[in-house]
Amino acid sequence: MELSCRFGFDAAHQFGHFPPGHPNHGVHGHSFQAEVWVRGEPDRKSGFIVDFAHLEKACGAVRGELDHRMLNRIEGLEMPSLENLCLWIWKRLAPQFPGLARVTVRRDSAGQSCTYTGS
C-alpha cells in the first residue's frame, strides 16, 4: 500500500547556463505541486502505514522552506530543476519515513513533472 500527501508552493528560479534571451535564463516563477508517497503495510494495532498528521507536518515544513523563495538561494538547490527539487525533497523526508517510495514535482501550467523513486 502507498499513502500520499500533496502540497503546493510558489517560487522563483533562474538557470544561468542558458544563453541570454532564452526564456529560462532570467528570473521567473512557477506554481509547483509536490506529492510524496510512503509505502508499507498497515500496522496491526493502528491500521496505519504512517500517521497522516506526521506526514502532513513534515510536508508542511518542506513547503515552508520552498514557498515564496528564490530556489537558487536554498542550499542544495543552486540548480533548481524539477529533478533536483525531487532529490532535495527526498533527502528532507527520507530520514523520517523509511518507506518513502517516490516524490513527484509538477508544474501543471507547463504540463511538466518529474518523479524520483530513490534508485
N, C-alpha and C. Protein backbone atom coordinates (compact mmCIF):
# COMPACT_ATOMS: atom_id res chain seq x y z
N MET A 1 0.83 -1.18 0.00
CA MET A 1 0.00 0.00 0.00
C MET A 1 0.88 1.24 0.00
N GLU A 2 0.32 2.32 -0.54
CA GLU A 2 1.01 3.60 -0.51
C GLU A 2 0.04 4.70 -0.09
N LEU A 3 0.53 5.57 0.76
CA LEU A 3 -0.18 6.80 1.13
C LEU A 3 0.51 7.94 0.42
N SER A 4 -0.25 9.00 0.15
CA SER A 4 0.40 10.17 -0.44
C SER A 4 -0.09 11.44 0.22
N CYS A 5 0.77 12.44 0.14
CA CYS A 5 0.47 13.78 0.64
C CYS A 5 0.94 14.75 -0.43
N ARG A 6 0.08 15.69 -0.79
CA ARG A 6 0.41 16.67 -1.83
C ARG A 6 0.42 18.06 -1.21
N PHE A 7 1.34 18.87 -1.69
CA PHE A 7 1.40 20.26 -1.24
C PHE A 7 1.89 21.14 -2.38
N GLY A 8 1.48 22.39 -2.35
CA GLY A 8 1.90 23.33 -3.38
C GLY A 8 2.81 24.40 -2.82
N PHE A 9 3.58 24.98 -3.71
CA PHE A 9 4.40 26.13 -3.34
C PHE A 9 4.65 26.96 -4.59
N ASP A 10 4.82 28.24 -4.38
CA ASP A 10 5.15 29.17 -5.44
C ASP A 10 6.57 29.66 -5.21
N ALA A 11 7.37 29.64 -6.25
CA ALA A 11 8.77 30.01 -6.07
C ALA A 11 9.35 30.51 -7.39
N ALA A 12 10.45 31.22 -7.27
CA ALA A 12 11.19 31.71 -8.43
C ALA A 12 12.51 30.98 -8.56
N HIS A 13 13.04 30.99 -9.76
CA HIS A 13 14.38 30.44 -10.01
C HIS A 13 14.89 30.97 -11.34
N GLN A 14 16.14 30.65 -11.61
CA GLN A 14 16.72 31.00 -12.90
C GLN A 14 17.79 29.99 -13.24
N PHE A 15 18.08 29.90 -14.51
CA PHE A 15 19.10 28.97 -14.99
C PHE A 15 20.10 29.76 -15.82
N GLY A 16 21.18 30.16 -15.18
CA GLY A 16 22.18 30.99 -15.83
C GLY A 16 22.95 30.30 -16.94
N HIS A 17 22.85 28.98 -17.03
CA HIS A 17 23.59 28.28 -18.09
C HIS A 17 22.91 28.42 -19.46
N PHE A 18 21.67 28.90 -19.49
CA PHE A 18 21.02 29.17 -20.77
C PHE A 18 21.53 30.50 -21.32
N PRO A 19 21.57 30.64 -22.62
CA PRO A 19 22.06 31.90 -23.20
C PRO A 19 21.07 33.04 -22.95
N PRO A 20 21.57 34.26 -22.90
CA PRO A 20 20.66 35.41 -22.78
C PRO A 20 19.60 35.35 -23.88
N GLY A 21 18.39 35.71 -23.52
CA GLY A 21 17.28 35.64 -24.45
C GLY A 21 16.47 34.36 -24.34
N HIS A 22 17.07 33.30 -23.79
CA HIS A 22 16.33 32.06 -23.57
C HIS A 22 15.32 32.31 -22.45
N PRO A 23 14.09 31.79 -22.55
CA PRO A 23 13.06 32.08 -21.54
C PRO A 23 13.44 31.69 -20.11
N ASN A 24 14.33 30.71 -19.96
CA ASN A 24 14.70 30.26 -18.62
C ASN A 24 15.97 30.93 -18.08
N HIS A 25 16.57 31.80 -18.87
CA HIS A 25 17.81 32.46 -18.43
C HIS A 25 17.54 33.44 -17.29
N GLY A 26 16.52 34.23 -17.40
CA GLY A 26 16.21 35.24 -16.38
C GLY A 26 15.40 34.66 -15.24
N VAL A 27 15.23 35.47 -14.22
CA VAL A 27 14.42 35.07 -13.07
C VAL A 27 12.97 34.92 -13.52
N HIS A 28 12.37 33.81 -13.15
CA HIS A 28 10.97 33.55 -13.46
C HIS A 28 10.40 32.64 -12.38
N GLY A 29 9.10 32.56 -12.31
CA GLY A 29 8.49 31.78 -11.24
C GLY A 29 7.47 30.78 -11.75
N HIS A 30 7.13 29.87 -10.85
CA HIS A 30 6.15 28.82 -11.14
C HIS A 30 5.33 28.54 -9.89
N SER A 31 4.16 27.99 -10.14
CA SER A 31 3.40 27.33 -9.08
C SER A 31 3.71 25.84 -9.21
N PHE A 32 4.27 25.28 -8.17
CA PHE A 32 4.67 23.87 -8.16
C PHE A 32 3.69 23.07 -7.32
N GLN A 33 3.55 21.81 -7.65
CA GLN A 33 2.84 20.84 -6.83
C GLN A 33 3.81 19.70 -6.55
N ALA A 34 3.94 19.33 -5.29
CA ALA A 34 4.78 18.19 -4.93
C ALA A 34 3.88 17.14 -4.29
N GLU A 35 4.19 15.89 -4.57
CA GLU A 35 3.46 14.80 -3.95
C GLU A 35 4.47 13.75 -3.52
N VAL A 36 4.31 13.28 -2.30
CA VAL A 36 5.19 12.24 -1.76
C VAL A 36 4.35 11.03 -1.39
N TRP A 37 4.92 9.86 -1.64
CA TRP A 37 4.25 8.60 -1.34
C TRP A 37 5.11 7.82 -0.35
N VAL A 38 4.44 7.22 0.62
CA VAL A 38 5.09 6.34 1.59
C VAL A 38 4.46 4.95 1.43
N ARG A 39 5.30 3.95 1.26
CA ARG A 39 4.86 2.57 1.04
C ARG A 39 5.05 1.76 2.31
N GLY A 40 4.13 0.86 2.54
CA GLY A 40 4.28 -0.04 3.68
C GLY A 40 3.02 -0.85 3.91
N GLU A 41 3.08 -1.63 4.94
CA GLU A 41 1.93 -2.42 5.37
C GLU A 41 1.33 -1.75 6.60
N PRO A 42 0.02 -1.74 6.69
CA PRO A 42 -0.60 -1.11 7.86
C PRO A 42 -0.19 -1.81 9.16
N ASP A 43 0.06 -1.00 10.15
CA ASP A 43 0.34 -1.51 11.49
C ASP A 43 -0.90 -2.25 11.99
N ARG A 44 -0.72 -3.40 12.59
CA ARG A 44 -1.87 -4.19 13.05
C ARG A 44 -2.69 -3.47 14.11
N LYS A 45 -2.03 -2.72 14.95
CA LYS A 45 -2.73 -2.05 16.05
C LYS A 45 -3.44 -0.78 15.58
N SER A 46 -2.72 0.06 14.82
CA SER A 46 -3.30 1.35 14.42
C SER A 46 -4.04 1.30 13.09
N GLY A 47 -3.65 0.36 12.24
CA GLY A 47 -4.21 0.30 10.89
C GLY A 47 -3.55 1.25 9.92
N PHE A 48 -2.51 1.97 10.36
CA PHE A 48 -1.85 2.99 9.54
C PHE A 48 -0.50 2.50 9.03
N ILE A 49 -0.14 2.98 7.83
CA ILE A 49 1.24 2.85 7.36
C ILE A 49 2.09 3.88 8.10
N VAL A 50 1.62 5.12 8.08
CA VAL A 50 2.18 6.21 8.87
C VAL A 50 1.01 7.07 9.32
N ASP A 51 1.22 7.81 10.36
CA ASP A 51 0.22 8.75 10.83
C ASP A 51 0.19 9.94 9.87
N PHE A 52 -0.97 10.21 9.26
CA PHE A 52 -1.07 11.33 8.33
C PHE A 52 -0.66 12.65 8.96
N ALA A 53 -0.93 12.81 10.24
CA ALA A 53 -0.55 14.07 10.91
C ALA A 53 0.96 14.26 10.85
N HIS A 54 1.72 13.19 11.04
CA HIS A 54 3.18 13.26 10.99
C HIS A 54 3.64 13.57 9.55
N LEU A 55 3.05 12.90 8.57
CA LEU A 55 3.42 13.13 7.17
C LEU A 55 3.06 14.55 6.74
N GLU A 56 1.88 15.02 7.12
CA GLU A 56 1.47 16.38 6.75
C GLU A 56 2.35 17.44 7.41
N LYS A 57 2.75 17.20 8.65
CA LYS A 57 3.63 18.15 9.34
C LYS A 57 4.99 18.22 8.64
N ALA A 58 5.53 17.06 8.28
CA ALA A 58 6.83 17.02 7.59
C ALA A 58 6.74 17.70 6.22
N CYS A 59 5.67 17.44 5.49
CA CYS A 59 5.48 18.08 4.18
C CYS A 59 5.29 19.59 4.35
N GLY A 60 4.61 19.99 5.41
CA GLY A 60 4.42 21.42 5.67
C GLY A 60 5.74 22.11 5.95
N ALA A 61 6.64 21.42 6.65
CA ALA A 61 7.96 22.01 6.91
C ALA A 61 8.75 22.17 5.62
N VAL A 62 8.68 21.19 4.73
CA VAL A 62 9.36 21.28 3.44
C VAL A 62 8.76 22.43 2.63
N ARG A 63 7.44 22.50 2.61
CA ARG A 63 6.76 23.59 1.90
C ARG A 63 7.24 24.94 2.42
N GLY A 64 7.37 25.06 3.73
CA GLY A 64 7.81 26.32 4.34
C GLY A 64 9.20 26.74 3.90
N GLU A 65 10.05 25.76 3.59
CA GLU A 65 11.41 26.07 3.13
C GLU A 65 11.42 26.52 1.67
N LEU A 66 10.39 26.17 0.90
CA LEU A 66 10.37 26.43 -0.54
C LEU A 66 9.44 27.57 -0.95
N ASP A 67 8.36 27.74 -0.24
CA ASP A 67 7.30 28.65 -0.68
C ASP A 67 7.75 30.11 -0.67
N HIS A 68 7.48 30.79 -1.78
CA HIS A 68 7.81 32.21 -1.96
C HIS A 68 9.30 32.49 -1.72
N ARG A 69 10.12 31.62 -2.24
CA ARG A 69 11.58 31.76 -2.14
C ARG A 69 12.20 31.80 -3.52
N MET A 70 13.42 32.28 -3.54
CA MET A 70 14.27 32.17 -4.73
C MET A 70 15.01 30.85 -4.56
N LEU A 71 14.62 29.84 -5.32
CA LEU A 71 15.12 28.49 -5.09
C LEU A 71 16.63 28.40 -5.21
N ASN A 72 17.24 29.16 -6.11
CA ASN A 72 18.69 29.10 -6.29
C ASN A 72 19.45 29.46 -5.02
N ARG A 73 18.82 30.16 -4.10
CA ARG A 73 19.48 30.61 -2.87
C ARG A 73 19.35 29.59 -1.73
N ILE A 74 18.64 28.50 -1.96
CA ILE A 74 18.46 27.47 -0.94
C ILE A 74 19.60 26.46 -1.09
N GLU A 75 20.27 26.17 0.03
CA GLU A 75 21.38 25.23 -0.01
C GLU A 75 20.93 23.89 -0.59
N GLY A 76 21.67 23.44 -1.60
CA GLY A 76 21.35 22.19 -2.27
C GLY A 76 20.46 22.37 -3.49
N LEU A 77 19.95 23.58 -3.71
CA LEU A 77 19.10 23.86 -4.87
C LEU A 77 19.68 24.96 -5.75
N GLU A 78 20.97 25.05 -5.78
CA GLU A 78 21.60 26.09 -6.59
C GLU A 78 21.23 25.94 -8.07
N MET A 79 20.93 24.72 -8.50
CA MET A 79 20.45 24.43 -9.85
C MET A 79 19.07 23.77 -9.68
N PRO A 80 18.01 24.59 -9.53
CA PRO A 80 16.71 24.09 -9.10
C PRO A 80 15.81 23.53 -10.22
N SER A 81 16.30 22.51 -10.88
CA SER A 81 15.50 21.81 -11.89
C SER A 81 14.43 20.96 -11.19
N LEU A 82 13.46 20.48 -11.95
CA LEU A 82 12.49 19.55 -11.36
C LEU A 82 13.19 18.33 -10.76
N GLU A 83 14.21 17.85 -11.47
CA GLU A 83 14.96 16.70 -11.00
C GLU A 83 15.59 16.97 -9.63
N ASN A 84 16.24 18.13 -9.51
CA ASN A 84 16.91 18.45 -8.25
C ASN A 84 15.92 18.79 -7.14
N LEU A 85 14.76 19.33 -7.49
CA LEU A 85 13.72 19.54 -6.48
C LEU A 85 13.25 18.21 -5.90
N CYS A 86 13.04 17.21 -6.76
CA CYS A 86 12.65 15.88 -6.27
C CYS A 86 13.70 15.32 -5.31
N LEU A 87 14.96 15.39 -5.71
CA LEU A 87 16.04 14.88 -4.86
C LEU A 87 16.11 15.63 -3.54
N TRP A 88 15.97 16.94 -3.58
CA TRP A 88 16.05 17.78 -2.38
C TRP A 88 14.94 17.41 -1.40
N ILE A 89 13.71 17.27 -1.92
CA ILE A 89 12.59 16.90 -1.06
C ILE A 89 12.80 15.50 -0.50
N TRP A 90 13.27 14.58 -1.32
CA TRP A 90 13.55 13.21 -0.87
C TRP A 90 14.52 13.22 0.31
N LYS A 91 15.59 13.95 0.16
CA LYS A 91 16.61 13.99 1.22
C LYS A 91 16.06 14.57 2.52
N ARG A 92 15.10 15.47 2.42
CA ARG A 92 14.48 16.04 3.62
C ARG A 92 13.56 15.04 4.32
N LEU A 93 12.86 14.22 3.55
CA LEU A 93 11.83 13.35 4.12
C LEU A 93 12.28 11.92 4.40
N ALA A 94 13.23 11.41 3.65
CA ALA A 94 13.63 10.01 3.79
C ALA A 94 14.05 9.63 5.22
N PRO A 95 14.78 10.48 5.94
CA PRO A 95 15.16 10.07 7.31
C PRO A 95 13.95 9.86 8.24
N GLN A 96 12.87 10.56 7.99
CA GLN A 96 11.68 10.44 8.84
C GLN A 96 10.74 9.34 8.38
N PHE A 97 10.85 8.95 7.09
CA PHE A 97 9.91 7.99 6.52
C PHE A 97 10.69 6.92 5.76
N PRO A 98 11.09 5.85 6.45
CA PRO A 98 11.87 4.80 5.79
C PRO A 98 11.14 4.16 4.60
N GLY A 99 9.82 4.24 4.59
CA GLY A 99 9.04 3.68 3.49
C GLY A 99 8.81 4.66 2.36
N LEU A 100 9.53 5.77 2.34
CA LEU A 100 9.35 6.75 1.27
C LEU A 100 9.54 6.04 -0.07
N ALA A 101 8.52 6.12 -0.93
CA ALA A 101 8.53 5.37 -2.19
C ALA A 101 8.82 6.23 -3.40
N ARG A 102 8.29 7.46 -3.39
CA ARG A 102 8.52 8.34 -4.54
C ARG A 102 8.15 9.77 -4.20
N VAL A 103 8.76 10.66 -4.94
CA VAL A 103 8.47 12.10 -4.84
C VAL A 103 8.27 12.60 -6.26
N THR A 104 7.17 13.30 -6.47
CA THR A 104 6.88 13.91 -7.78
C THR A 104 6.75 15.41 -7.58
N VAL A 105 7.35 16.16 -8.48
CA VAL A 105 7.18 17.62 -8.52
C VAL A 105 6.63 17.97 -9.89
N ARG A 106 5.55 18.77 -9.88
CA ARG A 106 4.87 19.14 -11.13
C ARG A 106 4.84 20.65 -11.30
N ARG A 107 4.86 21.05 -12.56
CA ARG A 107 4.50 22.41 -12.97
C ARG A 107 3.29 22.22 -13.88
N ASP A 108 2.12 22.21 -13.27
CA ASP A 108 0.90 21.90 -14.01
C ASP A 108 0.65 22.86 -15.17
N SER A 109 0.97 24.14 -14.97
CA SER A 109 0.71 25.11 -16.04
C SER A 109 1.53 24.82 -17.29
N ALA A 110 2.66 24.14 -17.11
CA ALA A 110 3.51 23.79 -18.25
C ALA A 110 3.33 22.33 -18.68
N GLY A 111 2.52 21.56 -17.91
CA GLY A 111 2.33 20.15 -18.23
C GLY A 111 3.58 19.32 -18.00
N GLN A 112 4.41 19.71 -17.03
CA GLN A 112 5.70 19.05 -16.80
C GLN A 112 5.75 18.44 -15.40
N SER A 113 6.46 17.32 -15.29
CA SER A 113 6.66 16.71 -13.97
C SER A 113 7.90 15.85 -13.98
N CYS A 114 8.36 15.53 -12.79
CA CYS A 114 9.48 14.63 -12.59
C CYS A 114 9.16 13.79 -11.36
N THR A 115 9.48 12.51 -11.42
CA THR A 115 9.29 11.60 -10.28
C THR A 115 10.61 10.93 -9.95
N TYR A 116 10.93 10.90 -8.66
CA TYR A 116 12.13 10.22 -8.16
C TYR A 116 11.68 9.09 -7.26
N THR A 117 12.26 7.90 -7.45
CA THR A 117 11.89 6.73 -6.68
C THR A 117 13.00 6.23 -5.75
N GLY A 118 14.02 7.03 -5.59
CA GLY A 118 15.08 6.66 -4.66
C GLY A 118 16.11 5.71 -5.22
N SER A 119 16.03 5.40 -6.49
CA SER A 119 17.00 4.46 -7.05
C SER A 119 17.95 5.15 -7.99
